[in-house]
Amino acid sequence: MEITFKNSKLEKLANDGRKMLKELGKVRSAILRRRLTQLEAAETLEDVRSLPGSYHELTGNRKGQWACDLDQPYRLIFAPRENPIPSNEHGQYIWKEITGVNIEEIINYHKEK
């Protein structure tokens, strides 16, 4: 899949191993690298659905975004590049038609509640 980033800070973090290690630490940066590699190697979002990392759709005020686990409680948040997001007649997103993602943030979104 094609991966883009919400801003240059995230892109620089993802592409600079030294910066990633400094800002995220050894464990989180290793997992982030693994998740980015998984997304990049996938042809569609469906390809990562069953991989370790608990890739899942978000709901509520984050509907239209996806998350995958980093180290607890942190998540990598991303959104499909397709606009509108492919969906069926029931409003369910069609993972196999999503071929690019935009990395939005790394966050503990459970603190938002």
N, C-alpha and C. Protein backbone atom coordinates (compact mmCIF):
# COMPACT_ATOMS: atom_id res chain seq x y z
N MET A 1 0.83 -1.18 0.00
CA MET A 1 0.00 0.00 0.00
C MET A 1 0.88 1.24 0.00
N GLU A 2 0.33 2.29 -0.51
CA GLU A 2 1.02 3.57 -0.46
C GLU A 2 0.74 4.21 0.90
N ILE A 3 1.79 4.69 1.54
CA ILE A 3 1.67 5.32 2.85
C ILE A 3 2.07 6.79 2.73
N THR A 4 1.20 7.65 3.24
CA THR A 4 1.52 9.07 3.35
C THR A 4 1.37 9.45 4.83
N PHE A 5 1.73 10.68 5.14
CA PHE A 5 1.73 11.12 6.52
C PHE A 5 0.98 12.43 6.66
N LYS A 6 0.32 12.60 7.79
CA LYS A 6 -0.47 13.79 8.07
C LYS A 6 0.39 15.05 8.02
N ASN A 7 1.64 14.93 8.48
CA ASN A 7 2.52 16.09 8.49
C ASN A 7 3.98 15.65 8.36
N SER A 8 4.84 16.62 8.15
CA SER A 8 6.26 16.31 7.93
C SER A 8 6.92 15.78 9.21
N LYS A 9 6.43 16.16 10.37
CA LYS A 9 7.00 15.66 11.62
C LYS A 9 6.83 14.15 11.72
N LEU A 10 5.63 13.65 11.42
CA LEU A 10 5.38 12.20 11.44
C LEU A 10 6.20 11.49 10.38
N GLU A 11 6.28 12.08 9.21
CA GLU A 11 7.05 11.46 8.13
C GLU A 11 8.53 11.37 8.50
N LYS A 12 9.06 12.43 9.07
CA LYS A 12 10.47 12.43 9.47
C LYS A 12 10.70 11.39 10.57
N LEU A 13 9.78 11.30 11.52
CA LEU A 13 9.89 10.32 12.60
C LEU A 13 9.92 8.91 12.03
N ALA A 14 9.04 8.62 11.08
CA ALA A 14 8.94 7.28 10.50
C ALA A 14 10.15 6.91 9.65
N ASN A 15 10.82 7.90 9.09
CA ASN A 15 11.93 7.63 8.18
C ASN A 15 13.31 7.86 8.78
N ASP A 16 13.37 8.25 10.04
CA ASP A 16 14.65 8.50 10.70
C ASP A 16 14.72 7.61 11.94
N GLY A 17 15.41 6.48 11.80
CA GLY A 17 15.50 5.51 12.89
C GLY A 17 16.05 6.09 14.18
N ARG A 18 17.02 6.96 14.06
CA ARG A 18 17.62 7.57 15.25
C ARG A 18 16.61 8.47 15.98
N LYS A 19 15.89 9.27 15.20
CA LYS A 19 14.86 10.16 15.78
C LYS A 19 13.74 9.33 16.40
N MET A 20 13.34 8.27 15.71
CA MET A 20 12.28 7.40 16.22
C MET A 20 12.69 6.80 17.55
N LEU A 21 13.89 6.29 17.62
CA LEU A 21 14.38 5.67 18.85
C LEU A 21 14.43 6.69 19.99
N LYS A 22 14.89 7.90 19.69
CA LYS A 22 15.00 8.94 20.71
C LYS A 22 13.63 9.36 21.24
N GLU A 23 12.66 9.53 20.34
CA GLU A 23 11.35 10.04 20.75
C GLU A 23 10.41 8.95 21.29
N LEU A 24 10.53 7.74 20.76
CA LEU A 24 9.57 6.69 21.12
C LEU A 24 10.15 5.60 22.01
N GLY A 25 11.44 5.51 22.08
CA GLY A 25 12.06 4.44 22.87
C GLY A 25 12.21 3.17 22.04
N LYS A 26 12.97 2.25 22.58
CA LYS A 26 13.34 1.03 21.85
C LYS A 26 12.13 0.16 21.50
N VAL A 27 11.27 -0.10 22.45
CA VAL A 27 10.14 -1.01 22.21
C VAL A 27 9.14 -0.43 21.23
N ARG A 28 8.67 0.80 21.50
CA ARG A 28 7.65 1.40 20.63
C ARG A 28 8.18 1.64 19.22
N SER A 29 9.44 2.06 19.10
CA SER A 29 9.98 2.31 17.76
C SER A 29 10.12 1.00 16.97
N ALA A 30 10.49 -0.09 17.63
CA ALA A 30 10.59 -1.38 16.93
C ALA A 30 9.22 -1.84 16.44
N ILE A 31 8.21 -1.67 17.27
CA ILE A 31 6.86 -2.08 16.87
C ILE A 31 6.33 -1.17 15.77
N LEU A 32 6.59 0.13 15.87
CA LEU A 32 6.16 1.06 14.82
C LEU A 32 6.78 0.68 13.48
N ARG A 33 8.07 0.38 13.47
CA ARG A 33 8.73 -0.05 12.22
C ARG A 33 8.03 -1.28 11.64
N ARG A 34 7.72 -2.24 12.51
CA ARG A 34 7.05 -3.46 12.07
C ARG A 34 5.68 -3.15 11.47
N ARG A 35 4.90 -2.28 12.12
CA ARG A 35 3.56 -1.94 11.60
C ARG A 35 3.65 -1.22 10.25
N LEU A 36 4.60 -0.30 10.13
CA LEU A 36 4.76 0.42 8.86
C LEU A 36 5.18 -0.54 7.75
N THR A 37 6.05 -1.49 8.07
CA THR A 37 6.47 -2.49 7.10
C THR A 37 5.28 -3.36 6.68
N GLN A 38 4.45 -3.74 7.63
CA GLN A 38 3.25 -4.54 7.31
C GLN A 38 2.32 -3.77 6.37
N LEU A 39 2.09 -2.52 6.68
CA LEU A 39 1.20 -1.71 5.83
C LEU A 39 1.79 -1.51 4.44
N GLU A 40 3.06 -1.25 4.38
CA GLU A 40 3.72 -1.02 3.09
C GLU A 40 3.71 -2.28 2.22
N ALA A 41 3.88 -3.44 2.84
CA ALA A 41 3.92 -4.71 2.10
C ALA A 41 2.54 -5.16 1.63
N ALA A 42 1.51 -4.67 2.26
CA ALA A 42 0.15 -5.09 1.92
C ALA A 42 -0.31 -4.43 0.61
N GLU A 43 -1.11 -5.17 -0.14
CA GLU A 43 -1.71 -4.58 -1.34
C GLU A 43 -2.96 -3.79 -0.96
N THR A 44 -3.72 -4.32 0.00
CA THR A 44 -4.92 -3.64 0.48
C THR A 44 -4.95 -3.73 2.01
N LEU A 45 -5.83 -2.98 2.60
CA LEU A 45 -5.96 -3.02 4.06
C LEU A 45 -6.42 -4.40 4.53
N GLU A 46 -7.13 -5.11 3.70
CA GLU A 46 -7.59 -6.47 4.04
C GLU A 46 -6.40 -7.38 4.35
N ASP A 47 -5.27 -7.15 3.70
CA ASP A 47 -4.08 -8.00 3.89
C ASP A 47 -3.50 -7.93 5.30
N VAL A 48 -3.76 -6.84 6.03
CA VAL A 48 -3.21 -6.72 7.38
C VAL A 48 -4.24 -7.08 8.45
N ARG A 49 -5.45 -7.28 8.05
CA ARG A 49 -6.55 -7.48 9.00
C ARG A 49 -6.29 -8.59 10.02
N SER A 50 -5.70 -9.67 9.59
CA SER A 50 -5.49 -10.81 10.49
C SER A 50 -4.06 -10.90 11.03
N LEU A 51 -3.22 -9.92 10.73
CA LEU A 51 -1.85 -9.91 11.24
C LEU A 51 -1.82 -9.50 12.71
N PRO A 52 -0.76 -9.87 13.42
CA PRO A 52 -0.62 -9.37 14.79
C PRO A 52 -0.63 -7.84 14.77
N GLY A 53 -1.21 -7.25 15.78
CA GLY A 53 -1.28 -5.79 15.85
C GLY A 53 -2.69 -5.30 16.01
N SER A 54 -3.64 -6.21 15.90
CA SER A 54 -5.05 -5.87 16.12
C SER A 54 -5.51 -4.67 15.29
N TYR A 55 -5.37 -4.78 13.98
CA TYR A 55 -5.85 -3.73 13.08
C TYR A 55 -7.37 -3.68 13.16
N HIS A 56 -7.90 -2.49 13.43
CA HIS A 56 -9.35 -2.38 13.59
C HIS A 56 -9.85 -0.98 13.25
N GLU A 57 -11.13 -0.94 12.86
CA GLU A 57 -11.80 0.32 12.59
C GLU A 57 -12.15 0.99 13.91
N LEU A 58 -12.11 2.30 13.90
CA LEU A 58 -12.51 3.05 15.07
C LEU A 58 -13.94 3.55 14.89
N THR A 59 -14.56 3.93 15.98
CA THR A 59 -15.96 4.36 15.95
C THR A 59 -16.09 5.73 16.60
N GLY A 60 -17.31 6.19 16.70
CA GLY A 60 -17.59 7.47 17.35
C GLY A 60 -16.95 8.63 16.61
N ASN A 61 -16.29 9.52 17.36
CA ASN A 61 -15.68 10.69 16.73
C ASN A 61 -14.43 10.34 15.91
N ARG A 62 -14.04 9.07 15.93
CA ARG A 62 -12.90 8.61 15.12
C ARG A 62 -13.34 7.71 13.97
N LYS A 63 -14.64 7.69 13.68
CA LYS A 63 -15.13 6.88 12.56
C LYS A 63 -14.42 7.34 11.29
N GLY A 64 -13.99 6.37 10.47
CA GLY A 64 -13.23 6.68 9.26
C GLY A 64 -11.73 6.55 9.48
N GLN A 65 -11.35 6.26 10.72
CA GLN A 65 -9.95 6.02 11.04
C GLN A 65 -9.79 4.56 11.48
N TRP A 66 -8.57 4.08 11.37
CA TRP A 66 -8.21 2.73 11.82
C TRP A 66 -7.09 2.86 12.83
N ALA A 67 -6.89 1.81 13.60
CA ALA A 67 -5.79 1.78 14.57
C ALA A 67 -5.16 0.41 14.58
N CYS A 68 -3.91 0.37 15.02
CA CYS A 68 -3.25 -0.90 15.32
C CYS A 68 -2.40 -0.68 16.56
N ASP A 69 -2.17 -1.75 17.28
CA ASP A 69 -1.45 -1.67 18.54
C ASP A 69 0.03 -1.38 18.33
N LEU A 70 0.54 -0.54 19.21
CA LEU A 70 1.98 -0.42 19.39
C LEU A 70 2.23 -1.05 20.76
N ASP A 71 2.98 -0.41 21.63
CA ASP A 71 3.07 -0.92 22.99
C ASP A 71 1.92 -0.29 23.78
N GLN A 72 1.32 -1.06 24.66
CA GLN A 72 0.15 -0.60 25.41
C GLN A 72 0.48 0.63 26.22
N PRO A 73 -0.35 1.64 26.20
CA PRO A 73 -1.66 1.75 25.58
C PRO A 73 -1.63 2.50 24.25
N TYR A 74 -0.48 2.60 23.62
CA TYR A 74 -0.34 3.43 22.41
C TYR A 74 -0.79 2.71 21.15
N ARG A 75 -1.35 3.52 20.23
CA ARG A 75 -1.85 3.01 18.95
C ARG A 75 -1.31 3.88 17.82
N LEU A 76 -1.15 3.25 16.66
CA LEU A 76 -0.86 3.96 15.42
C LEU A 76 -2.20 4.20 14.76
N ILE A 77 -2.53 5.45 14.50
CA ILE A 77 -3.82 5.83 13.90
C ILE A 77 -3.58 6.20 12.44
N PHE A 78 -4.43 5.66 11.57
CA PHE A 78 -4.33 5.97 10.15
C PHE A 78 -5.71 5.99 9.52
N ALA A 79 -5.78 6.61 8.37
CA ALA A 79 -7.05 6.72 7.64
C ALA A 79 -6.81 6.35 6.18
N PRO A 80 -7.81 5.77 5.53
CA PRO A 80 -7.67 5.45 4.11
C PRO A 80 -7.45 6.72 3.28
N ARG A 81 -6.69 6.59 2.23
CA ARG A 81 -6.47 7.72 1.33
C ARG A 81 -7.64 7.89 0.37
N GLU A 82 -8.42 6.83 0.19
CA GLU A 82 -9.58 6.91 -0.70
C GLU A 82 -10.61 7.87 -0.13
N ASN A 83 -11.17 8.70 -1.01
CA ASN A 83 -12.20 9.62 -0.58
C ASN A 83 -13.28 9.67 -1.64
N PRO A 84 -14.47 9.15 -1.37
CA PRO A 84 -14.91 8.61 -0.09
C PRO A 84 -14.33 7.21 0.17
N ILE A 85 -14.38 6.81 1.43
CA ILE A 85 -13.90 5.48 1.80
C ILE A 85 -14.86 4.45 1.21
N PRO A 86 -14.35 3.44 0.48
CA PRO A 86 -15.23 2.44 -0.12
C PRO A 86 -16.09 1.74 0.95
N SER A 87 -17.38 1.70 0.70
CA SER A 87 -18.29 1.03 1.63
C SER A 87 -19.40 0.33 0.86
N ASN A 88 -20.04 -0.62 1.52
CA ASN A 88 -21.13 -1.35 0.88
C ASN A 88 -22.46 -0.68 1.20
N GLU A 89 -23.54 -1.29 0.75
CA GLU A 89 -24.87 -0.70 0.92
C GLU A 89 -25.29 -0.60 2.39
N HIS A 90 -24.62 -1.31 3.27
CA HIS A 90 -24.93 -1.27 4.70
C HIS A 90 -24.03 -0.28 5.46
N GLY A 91 -23.17 0.42 4.73
CA GLY A 91 -22.28 1.40 5.35
C GLY A 91 -21.01 0.80 5.92
N GLN A 92 -20.78 -0.49 5.69
CA GLN A 92 -19.56 -1.13 6.19
C GLN A 92 -18.42 -0.84 5.22
N TYR A 93 -17.27 -0.51 5.78
CA TYR A 93 -16.11 -0.23 4.94
C TYR A 93 -15.61 -1.51 4.28
N ILE A 94 -15.15 -1.39 3.04
CA ILE A 94 -14.64 -2.53 2.28
C ILE A 94 -13.12 -2.48 2.32
N TRP A 95 -12.56 -3.25 3.25
CA TRP A 95 -11.11 -3.24 3.50
C TRP A 95 -10.31 -3.58 2.25
N LYS A 96 -10.82 -4.52 1.42
CA LYS A 96 -10.04 -4.97 0.26
C LYS A 96 -9.99 -3.93 -0.87
N GLU A 97 -10.73 -2.84 -0.74
CA GLU A 97 -10.68 -1.78 -1.74
C GLU A 97 -9.87 -0.58 -1.28
N ILE A 98 -9.27 -0.68 -0.12
CA ILE A 98 -8.45 0.41 0.40
C ILE A 98 -6.99 0.09 0.11
N THR A 99 -6.37 0.91 -0.74
CA THR A 99 -5.02 0.61 -1.23
C THR A 99 -3.96 1.62 -0.78
N GLY A 100 -4.35 2.55 0.06
CA GLY A 100 -3.41 3.53 0.58
C GLY A 100 -3.90 4.08 1.90
N VAL A 101 -2.97 4.43 2.77
CA VAL A 101 -3.33 5.00 4.07
C VAL A 101 -2.50 6.24 4.36
N ASN A 102 -3.09 7.09 5.17
CA ASN A 102 -2.41 8.28 5.65
C ASN A 102 -2.21 8.13 7.15
N ILE A 103 -0.97 8.15 7.59
CA ILE A 103 -0.66 8.02 9.01
C ILE A 103 -1.04 9.33 9.70
N GLU A 104 -1.93 9.23 10.68
CA GLU A 104 -2.48 10.41 11.35
C GLU A 104 -1.74 10.77 12.64
N GLU A 105 -1.49 9.76 13.50
CA GLU A 105 -0.85 10.04 14.77
C GLU A 105 -0.49 8.77 15.52
N ILE A 106 0.31 8.95 16.54
CA ILE A 106 0.63 7.90 17.51
C ILE A 106 0.12 8.44 18.84
N ILE A 107 -0.83 7.71 19.45
CA ILE A 107 -1.51 8.27 20.60
C ILE A 107 -2.08 7.18 21.51
N ASN A 108 -2.31 7.55 22.74
CA ASN A 108 -3.13 6.75 23.65
C ASN A 108 -4.51 7.40 23.60
N TYR A 109 -5.35 6.97 22.67
CA TYR A 109 -6.65 7.64 22.51
C TYR A 109 -7.65 7.29 23.60
N HIS A 110 -7.35 6.31 24.42
CA HIS A 110 -8.26 5.98 25.52
C HIS A 110 -8.26 7.07 26.60
N LYS A 111 -7.22 7.88 26.65
CA LYS A 111 -7.17 8.99 27.59
C LYS A 111 -8.14 10.09 27.20
N GLU A 112 -8.62 10.09 25.94
CA GLU A 112 -9.53 11.13 25.46
C GLU A 112 -10.91 11.03 26.10
N LYS A 113 -11.27 9.85 26.60
CA LYS A 113 -12.63 9.64 27.10
C LYS A 113 -12.86 10.26 28.44
